C-alpha atoms as a PDB file:
ATOM      1  CA  MET A   1       4.809   8.426 -23.127  1.00  0.00           C
ATOM      2  CA  PHE A   2       7.584   6.266 -21.645  1.00  0.00           C
ATOM      3  CA  LYS A   3       6.302   2.982 -20.194  1.00  0.00           C
ATOM      4  CA  PHE A   4       7.015   2.226 -16.550  1.00  0.00           C
ATOM      5  CA  LYS A   5       6.311  -0.485 -13.986  1.00  0.00           C
ATOM      6  CA  MET A   6       4.122  -0.070 -10.923  1.00  0.00           C
ATOM      7  CA  PHE A   7       4.471  -2.588  -8.102  1.00  0.00           C
ATOM      8  CA  CYS A   8       1.248  -2.672  -6.042  1.00  0.00           C
ATOM      9  CA  PHE A   9       0.434  -3.685  -2.470  1.00  0.00           C
ATOM     10  CA  SER A  10      -3.152  -3.963  -1.216  1.00  0.00           C
ATOM     11  CA  HIS A  11      -4.758  -3.206   2.149  1.00  0.00           C
ATOM     12  CA  ALA A  12      -4.945  -5.481   5.213  1.00  0.00           C
ATOM     13  CA  GLY A  13      -6.973  -8.559   4.319  1.00  0.00           C
ATOM     14  CA  GLY A  14      -6.487  -7.886   0.612  1.00  0.00           C
ATOM     15  CA  THR A  15      -4.937  -9.850  -2.247  1.00  0.00           C
ATOM     16  CA  VAL A  16      -3.511  -9.092  -5.677  1.00  0.00           C
ATOM     17  CA  ARG A  17      -6.991  -9.550  -7.181  1.00  0.00           C
ATOM     18  CA  HIS A  18      -7.790  -5.975  -6.158  1.00  0.00           C
ATOM     19  CA  PHE A  19      -5.378  -4.828  -8.870  1.00  0.00           C
ATOM     20  CA  TYR A  20      -6.344  -7.245 -11.655  1.00  0.00           C
ATOM     21  CA  LYS A  21      -8.697  -4.726 -13.270  1.00  0.00           C
ATOM     22  CA  TRP A  22      -5.900  -2.160 -13.218  1.00  0.00           C
ATOM     23  CA  LYS A  23      -4.110  -4.118 -15.938  1.00  0.00           C
ATOM     24  CA  ARG A  24      -6.853  -3.091 -18.371  1.00  0.00           C
ATOM     25  CA  GLN A  25      -6.140   0.624 -18.618  1.00  0.00           C
ATOM     26  CA  GLN A  26      -5.265   3.276 -21.173  1.00  0.00           C
ATOM     27  CA  PHE A  27      -1.970   4.342 -19.623  1.00  0.00           C
ATOM     28  CA  ASP A  28       1.532   3.050 -20.365  1.00  0.00           C
ATOM     29  CA  ILE A  29       1.837   1.428 -16.953  1.00  0.00           C
ATOM     30  CA  GLU A  30       2.820  -2.197 -16.415  1.00  0.00           C
ATOM     31  CA  ILE A  31       0.816  -3.159 -13.332  1.00  0.00           C
ATOM     32  CA  ILE A  32       2.636  -5.708 -11.136  1.00  0.00           C
ATOM     33  CA  PRO A  33       0.626  -6.690  -8.038  1.00  0.00           C
ATOM     34  CA  ILE A  34       2.742  -8.322  -5.334  1.00  0.00           C
ATOM     35  CA  GLU A  35       1.088 -11.095  -3.313  1.00  0.00           C
ATOM     36  CA  LEU A  36       1.771 -11.405   0.393  1.00  0.00           C
ATOM     37  CA  ALA A  37       2.303 -14.825   1.967  1.00  0.00           C
ATOM     38  CA  GLY A  38      -0.704 -16.741   3.275  1.00  0.00           C
ATOM     39  CA  ARG A  39      -3.255 -15.770   0.611  1.00  0.00           C
ATOM     40  CA  GLY A  40      -4.107 -16.067  -3.068  1.00  0.00           C
ATOM     41  CA  SER A  41      -1.367 -17.791  -5.045  1.00  0.00           C
ATOM     42  CA  ARG A  42       0.685 -18.048  -1.820  1.00  0.00           C
ATOM     43  CA  VAL A  43      -2.080 -19.471   0.361  1.00  0.00           C
ATOM     44  CA  LYS A  44      -0.003 -22.508   1.384  1.00  0.00           C
ATOM     45  CA  GLU A  45       2.784 -20.330   2.782  1.00  0.00           C
ATOM     46  CA  PRO A  46       2.696 -19.281   6.462  1.00  0.00           C
ATOM     47  CA  PHE A  47       1.774 -15.737   7.435  1.00  0.00           C
ATOM     48  CA  TYR A  48       4.567 -13.357   8.383  1.00  0.00           C
ATOM     49  CA  GLU A  49       5.617 -13.281  12.029  1.00  0.00           C
ATOM     50  CA  ASN A  50       6.402  -9.566  11.973  1.00  0.00           C
ATOM     51  CA  MET A  51       6.727  -6.541   9.715  1.00  0.00           C
ATOM     52  CA  GLU A  52      10.466  -7.023   9.311  1.00  0.00           C
ATOM     53  CA  SER A  53      10.033 -10.502   7.796  1.00  0.00           C
ATOM     54  CA  ALA A  54       7.252  -9.232   5.526  1.00  0.00           C
ATOM     55  CA  VAL A  55       9.396  -6.375   4.233  1.00  0.00           C
ATOM     56  CA  GLN A  56      12.358  -8.691   3.605  1.00  0.00           C
ATOM     57  CA  ASP A  57      10.241 -11.217   1.694  1.00  0.00           C
ATOM     58  CA  LEU A  58       8.473  -8.606  -0.437  1.00  0.00           C
ATOM     59  CA  TYR A  59      11.722  -6.738  -1.063  1.00  0.00           C
ATOM     60  CA  ASN A  60      13.133  -9.997  -2.471  1.00  0.00           C
ATOM     61  CA  LYS A  61      10.096 -10.338  -4.747  1.00  0.00           C
ATOM     62  CA  ILE A  62      10.495  -6.816  -6.122  1.00  0.00           C
ATOM     63  CA  VAL A  63      14.254  -6.635  -6.669  1.00  0.00           C
ATOM     64  CA  LYS A  64      14.085  -9.710  -8.906  1.00  0.00           C
ATOM     65  CA  GLN A  65      11.968  -7.603 -11.252  1.00  0.00           C
ATOM     66  CA  ILE A  66      13.967  -4.380 -11.140  1.00  0.00           C
ATOM     67  CA  ASP A  67      15.799  -3.735 -14.404  1.00  0.00           C
ATOM     68  CA  GLU A  68      16.471  -0.694 -16.573  1.00  0.00           C
ATOM     69  CA  THR A  69      12.750   0.053 -16.843  1.00  0.00           C
ATOM     70  CA  PRO A  70      11.748   2.912 -14.521  1.00  0.00           C
ATOM     71  CA  TYR A  71       9.276   1.964 -11.834  1.00  0.00           C
ATOM     72  CA  VAL A  72       7.143   3.247  -8.989  1.00  0.00           C
ATOM     73  CA  ILE A  73       5.761   1.502  -5.897  1.00  0.00           C
ATOM     74  CA  LEU A  74       2.162   1.905  -4.735  1.00  0.00           C
ATOM     75  CA  GLY A  75       0.614   0.709  -1.505  1.00  0.00           C
ATOM     76  CA  HIS A  76      -2.872   1.215  -0.108  1.00  0.00           C
ATOM     77  CA  SER A  77      -3.511   1.391   3.650  1.00  0.00           C
ATOM     78  CA  MET A  78      -1.294  -1.319   5.203  1.00  0.00           C
ATOM     79  CA  GLY A  79       0.227  -1.639   1.737  1.00  0.00           C
ATOM     80  CA  GLY A  80       1.358   1.975   2.048  1.00  0.00           C
ATOM     81  CA  ILE A  81       3.566   1.062   4.997  1.00  0.00           C
ATOM     82  CA  LEU A  82       4.959  -1.883   3.036  1.00  0.00           C
ATOM     83  CA  ALA A  83       5.713   0.366   0.048  1.00  0.00           C
ATOM     84  CA  PHE A  84       7.439   2.871   2.327  1.00  0.00           C
ATOM     85  CA  GLU A  85       9.542   0.306   4.206  1.00  0.00           C
ATOM     86  CA  ILE A  86      10.484  -1.679   1.097  1.00  0.00           C
ATOM     87  CA  THR A  87      11.683   1.527  -0.564  1.00  0.00           C
ATOM     88  CA  LYS A  88      13.906   2.212   2.448  1.00  0.00           C
ATOM     89  CA  LYS A  89      15.402  -1.256   2.032  1.00  0.00           C
ATOM     90  CA  ILE A  90      15.954  -0.705  -1.698  1.00  0.00           C
ATOM     91  CA  GLN A  91      17.605   2.597  -0.823  1.00  0.00           C
ATOM     92  CA  GLN A  92      20.147   0.737   1.311  1.00  0.00           C
ATOM     93  CA  SER A  93      20.946  -1.667  -1.552  1.00  0.00           C
ATOM     94  CA  ALA A  94      22.632  -1.239  -4.931  1.00  0.00           C
ATOM     95  CA  HIS A  95      19.338  -1.339  -6.854  1.00  0.00           C
ATOM     96  CA  ASN A  96      17.744   1.572  -8.671  1.00  0.00           C
ATOM     97  CA  LEU A  97      15.281   3.529  -6.564  1.00  0.00           C
ATOM     98  CA  PRO A  98      11.676   3.981  -7.685  1.00  0.00           C
ATOM     99  CA  ILE A  99      10.983   7.222  -9.522  1.00  0.00           C
ATOM    100  CA  PHE A 100       8.502   7.925  -6.708  1.00  0.00           C
ATOM    101  CA  VAL A 101       6.454   6.119  -4.075  1.00  0.00           C
ATOM    102  CA  ILE A 102       2.649   6.290  -3.789  1.00  0.00           C
ATOM    103  CA  VAL A 103       1.091   5.907  -0.347  1.00  0.00           C
ATOM    104  CA  SER A 104      -2.702   5.731  -0.404  1.00  0.00           C
ATOM    105  CA  GLY A 105      -5.170   5.844   2.467  1.00  0.00           C
ATOM    106  CA  ARG A 106      -2.532   5.637   5.177  1.00  0.00           C
ATOM    107  CA  ARG A 107      -1.622   8.080   7.925  1.00  0.00           C
ATOM    108  CA  PRO A 108       2.094   8.698   8.660  1.00  0.00           C
ATOM    109  CA  PRO A 109       3.833   5.994  10.725  1.00  0.00           C
ATOM    110  CA  HIS A 110       4.169   8.123  13.857  1.00  0.00           C
ATOM    111  CA  ILE A 111       0.421   8.860  14.018  1.00  0.00           C
ATOM    112  CA  ILE A 112      -1.133   6.008  15.990  1.00  0.00           C
ATOM    113  CA  ILE A 113      -4.923   5.795  16.099  1.00  0.00           C
ATOM    114  CA  ASN A 114      -6.564   2.835  17.831  1.00  0.00           C
ATOM    115  CA  GLN A 115      -9.228   2.242  15.207  1.00  0.00           C
ATOM    116  CA  PHE A 116      -9.434  -1.492  15.952  1.00  0.00           C
ATOM    117  CA  PRO A 117      -9.161  -3.586  19.148  1.00  0.00           C
ATOM    118  CA  ALA A 118      -5.631  -4.520  20.174  1.00  0.00           C
ATOM    119  CA  SER A 119      -6.448  -8.197  20.759  1.00  0.00           C
ATOM    120  CA  HIS A 120      -8.030 -10.357  18.095  1.00  0.00           C
ATOM    121  CA  SER A 121     -10.391 -12.739  19.866  1.00  0.00           C
ATOM    122  CA  GLU A 122     -13.528 -13.922  18.088  1.00  0.00           C
ATOM    123  CA  HIS A 123     -15.441 -11.054  19.710  1.00  0.00           C
ATOM    124  CA  ASP A 124     -12.834  -8.516  18.628  1.00  0.00           C
ATOM    125  CA  ILE A 125     -12.808  -9.821  15.061  1.00  0.00           C
ATOM    126  CA  LYS A 126     -16.573  -9.287  14.911  1.00  0.00           C
ATOM    127  CA  GLU A 127     -16.077  -5.718  16.143  1.00  0.00           C
ATOM    128  CA  ILE A 128     -13.351  -5.179  13.549  1.00  0.00           C
ATOM    129  CA  LEU A 129     -15.646  -6.475  10.812  1.00  0.00           C
ATOM    130  CA  THR A 130     -18.357  -4.065  11.949  1.00  0.00           C
ATOM    131  CA  ASN A 131     -15.899  -1.170  11.664  1.00  0.00           C
ATOM    132  CA  LEU A 132     -14.653  -2.367   8.283  1.00  0.00           C
ATOM    133  CA  LYS A 133     -18.192  -2.626   6.942  1.00  0.00           C
ATOM    134  CA  LYS A 134     -18.653   1.053   7.763  1.00  0.00           C
ATOM    135  CA  ILE A 135     -15.746   1.979   5.502  1.00  0.00           C
ATOM    136  CA  GLY A 136     -16.529  -0.566   2.776  1.00  0.00           C
ATOM    137  CA  GLY A 137     -13.678  -2.944   3.519  1.00  0.00           C
ATOM    138  CA  VAL A 138     -15.500  -6.263   3.786  1.00  0.00           C
ATOM    139  CA  PRO A 139     -16.293  -8.617   0.866  1.00  0.00           C
ATOM    140  CA  LYS A 140     -19.987  -8.490  -0.017  1.00  0.00           C
ATOM    141  CA  ASN A 141     -20.206 -12.290   0.076  1.00  0.00           C
ATOM    142  CA  LEU A 142     -18.615 -12.652   3.527  1.00  0.00           C
ATOM    143  CA  GLY A 143     -21.722 -14.518   4.677  1.00  0.00           C
ATOM    144  CA  ASN A 144     -20.527 -17.409   2.533  1.00  0.00           C
ATOM    145  CA  SER A 145     -18.697 -19.752   4.928  1.00  0.00           C
ATOM    146  CA  SER A 146     -15.959 -20.603   2.402  1.00  0.00           C
ATOM    147  CA  ILE A 147     -15.255 -16.900   1.854  1.00  0.00           C
ATOM    148  CA  SER A 148     -15.139 -16.318   5.613  1.00  0.00           C
ATOM    149  CA  GLU A 149     -12.657 -19.174   6.061  1.00  0.00           C
ATOM    150  CA  LEU A 150     -10.306 -17.505   3.567  1.00  0.00           C
ATOM    151  CA  PHE A 151     -10.785 -13.840   4.462  1.00  0.00           C
ATOM    152  CA  LEU A 152     -10.853 -13.795   8.275  1.00  0.00           C
ATOM    153  CA  PRO A 153      -7.494 -15.539   8.900  1.00  0.00           C
ATOM    154  CA  VAL A 154      -5.822 -13.195   6.404  1.00  0.00           C
ATOM    155  CA  LEU A 155      -7.366 -10.133   8.030  1.00  0.00           C
ATOM    156  CA  LYS A 156      -6.385 -11.307  11.517  1.00  0.00           C
ATOM    157  CA  ALA A 157      -2.805 -12.011  10.417  1.00  0.00           C
ATOM    158  CA  ASP A 158      -2.479  -8.612   8.740  1.00  0.00           C
ATOM    159  CA  LEU A 159      -3.828  -6.727  11.749  1.00  0.00           C
ATOM    160  CA  GLU A 160      -1.338  -8.549  13.953  1.00  0.00           C
ATOM    161  CA  LEU A 161       1.383  -7.730  11.418  1.00  0.00           C
ATOM    162  CA  ILE A 162       0.585  -4.025  11.658  1.00  0.00           C
ATOM    163  CA  GLN A 163       0.905  -4.205  15.446  1.00  0.00           C
ATOM    164  CA  THR A 164       4.504  -5.440  15.115  1.00  0.00           C
ATOM    165  CA  TYR A 165       5.477  -2.374  13.078  1.00  0.00           C
ATOM    166  CA  ASP A 166       7.929   0.015  14.696  1.00  0.00           C
ATOM    167  CA  TYR A 167       8.979   2.864  12.432  1.00  0.00           C
ATOM    168  CA  TYR A 168      11.656   3.983  14.848  1.00  0.00           C
ATOM    169  CA  LEU A 169      13.720   0.817  14.327  1.00  0.00           C
ATOM    170  CA  ASN A 170      14.906   2.281  11.027  1.00  0.00           C
ATOM    171  CA  ASN A 171      13.781   5.874  10.759  1.00  0.00           C
ATOM    172  CA  ILE A 172      15.804   6.979   7.750  1.00  0.00           C
ATOM    173  CA  LYS A 173      14.124   9.310   5.272  1.00  0.00           C
ATOM    174  CA  LEU A 174      13.389   8.337   1.699  1.00  0.00           C
ATOM    175  CA  ASN A 175      15.591   9.620  -1.084  1.00  0.00           C
ATOM    176  CA  ALA A 176      12.609   9.406  -3.436  1.00  0.00           C
ATOM    177  CA  PRO A 177       9.565  11.661  -3.917  1.00  0.00           C
ATOM    178  CA  LEU A 178       6.308  10.746  -2.192  1.00  0.00           C
ATOM    179  CA  LEU A 179       2.825  10.986  -3.680  1.00  0.00           C
ATOM    180  CA  ILE A 180       0.179  10.796  -0.950  1.00  0.00           C
ATOM    181  CA  LEU A 181      -3.394   9.944  -1.960  1.00  0.00           C
ATOM    182  CA  TYR A 182      -6.298  10.240   0.466  1.00  0.00           C
ATOM    183  CA  ALA A 183     -10.096  10.568   0.463  1.00  0.00           C
ATOM    184  CA  ASN A 184     -12.225  13.307   1.960  1.00  0.00           C
ATOM    185  CA  ASN A 185     -14.535  10.815   3.728  1.00  0.00           C
ATOM    186  CA  ASP A 186     -11.953   8.364   5.011  1.00  0.00           C
ATOM    187  CA  PRO A 187     -12.168   8.078   8.824  1.00  0.00           C
ATOM    188  CA  LEU A 188      -8.702   6.488   8.932  1.00  0.00           C
ATOM    189  CA  THR A 189      -6.894   9.505   7.472  1.00  0.00           C
ATOM    190  CA  LYS A 190      -7.310  13.085   8.611  1.00  0.00           C
ATOM    191  CA  GLU A 191      -5.933  15.966   6.558  1.00  0.00           C
ATOM    192  CA  LYS A 192      -4.180  17.472   9.589  1.00  0.00           C
ATOM    193  CA  HIS A 193      -2.267  14.195   9.974  1.00  0.00           C
ATOM    194  CA  ILE A 194      -1.780  13.227   6.348  1.00  0.00           C
ATOM    195  CA  GLU A 195       0.353  16.295   5.608  1.00  0.00           C
ATOM    196  CA  GLU A 196       2.987  15.079   8.070  1.00  0.00           C
ATOM    197  CA  TRP A 197       4.122  12.554   5.465  1.00  0.00           C
ATOM    198  CA  ASP A 198       6.389  15.304   4.141  1.00  0.00           C
ATOM    199  CA  CYS A 199       8.714  14.595   7.086  1.00  0.00           C
ATOM    200  CA  TYR A 200       9.508  11.166   5.656  1.00  0.00           C
ATOM    201  CA  THR A 201      11.399  12.130   2.509  1.00  0.00           C
ATOM    202  CA  ILE A 202      14.210  14.475   1.570  1.00  0.00           C
ATOM    203  CA  LYS A 203      12.565  14.840  -1.842  1.00  0.00           C
ATOM    204  CA  SER A 204       9.198  16.343  -2.788  1.00  0.00           C
ATOM    205  CA  CYS A 205       5.938  15.239  -1.166  1.00  0.00           C
ATOM    206  CA  GLU A 206       2.684  15.878  -3.039  1.00  0.00           C
ATOM    207  CA  PHE A 207      -0.842  15.413  -1.675  1.00  0.00           C
ATOM    208  CA  ILE A 208      -3.907  14.608  -3.782  1.00  0.00           C
ATOM    209  CA  GLU A 209      -7.410  14.452  -2.294  1.00  0.00           C
ATOM    210  CA  PHE A 210     -10.128  12.266  -3.834  1.00  0.00           C
ATOM    211  CA  GLU A 211     -13.853  11.963  -3.287  1.00  0.00           C
ATOM    212  CA  GLY A 212     -14.804   8.814  -1.418  1.00  0.00           C
ATOM    213  CA  ASP A 213     -14.166   6.538   1.547  1.00  0.00           C
ATOM    214  CA  HIS A 214     -11.168   4.516   2.661  1.00  0.00           C
ATOM    215  CA  PHE A 215     -11.290   2.296  -0.422  1.00  0.00           C
ATOM    216  CA  PHE A 216     -11.530   5.127  -2.950  1.00  0.00           C
ATOM    217  CA  ILE A 217      -8.407   3.922  -4.761  1.00  0.00           C
ATOM    218  CA  TYR A 218     -10.187   0.865  -6.158  1.00  0.00           C
ATOM    219  CA  LYS A 219     -13.362   2.753  -7.053  1.00  0.00           C
ATOM    220  CA  GLU A 220     -11.466   5.626  -8.710  1.00  0.00           C
ATOM    221  CA  ARG A 221      -8.980   3.497 -10.621  1.00  0.00           C
ATOM    222  CA  ASP A 222      -8.823   5.622 -13.776  1.00  0.00           C
ATOM    223  CA  LYS A 223      -8.432   8.887 -11.855  1.00  0.00           C
ATOM    224  CA  VAL A 224      -5.716   7.373  -9.677  1.00  0.00           C
ATOM    225  CA  LEU A 225      -3.832   5.988 -12.677  1.00  0.00           C
ATOM    226  CA  GLY A 226      -4.177   9.336 -14.423  1.00  0.00           C
ATOM    227  CA  VAL A 227      -2.603  11.114 -11.453  1.00  0.00           C
ATOM    228  CA  VAL A 228       0.201   8.537 -11.262  1.00  0.00           C
ATOM    229  CA  SER A 229       0.863   8.745 -15.010  1.00  0.00           C
ATOM    230  CA  GLU A 230       1.025  12.537 -14.945  1.00  0.00           C
ATOM    231  CA  LYS A 231       3.325  12.504 -11.912  1.00  0.00           C
ATOM    232  CA  PHE A 232       5.656  10.060 -13.639  1.00  0.00           C
ATOM    233  CA  ALA A 233       5.735  12.142 -16.831  1.00  0.00           C
ATOM    234  CA  ASN A 234       6.648  15.289 -14.892  1.00  0.00           C
ATOM    235  CA  LEU A 235       9.382  13.652 -12.817  1.00  0.00           C
ATOM    236  CA  TRP A 236      10.785  11.737 -15.793  1.00  0.00           C
ATOM    237  CA  ARG A 237      10.980  14.940 -17.838  1.00  0.00           C
ATOM    238  CA  ASP A 238      12.703  16.736 -14.966  1.00  0.00           C
ATOM    239  CA  ASN A 239      15.225  13.885 -14.597  1.00  0.00           C
ATOM    240  CA  ILE A 240      16.078  14.013 -18.297  1.00  0.00           C
ATOM    241  CA  MET A 241      16.431  17.802 -18.314  1.00  0.00           C
ATOM    242  CA  ASN A 242      18.656  17.737 -15.245  1.00  0.00           C
END
């Protein structure tokens, strides 16, 4: 099996730590989590003002690591939008495109569902946390004040970042295949909506359903990596034969 890189972006409020365990796996995948500003190893950096600045910064982080090794980009939830938009930016550059892009737990950009309050006052943040708890997206030790001080500002910044996103500012289609992962019990993605991702690429678009909730991708790591590895093998073989 030919080794390849996988750049990873986590959900809103997440950090690269969600992908640390992915590095210990049986597949020939070099896992490269990309940290967003304002958290983790980049906690001293300011949060992004808008989606455009986030995409530019993260694009710069990725292209420094693009070489002759084939690669894919994976993003979960908000990270799925980042993966999608960064790939569009790579497409407009001279760099090699990813072999394919994996979007997990994210509805297509044109499907807008008001799952969370539009404003982010203290009351709204509490409501958001209640909703996130229902889908398993809140740290178990959030009651710890030090954890709250780290997590809540990141979550608030990411939710505000999502609200600045406007797909129609640059609505070109990808020239790379899409692999869409979703869970059967995820209230944030509905099958009737998820299939509309095929409008966003001129290449193939494959859909894989998993058992679980919105955060299935972290709980089903080995199954997800198995699907990604098989997809890479098939596309790599097709590229060589063609």
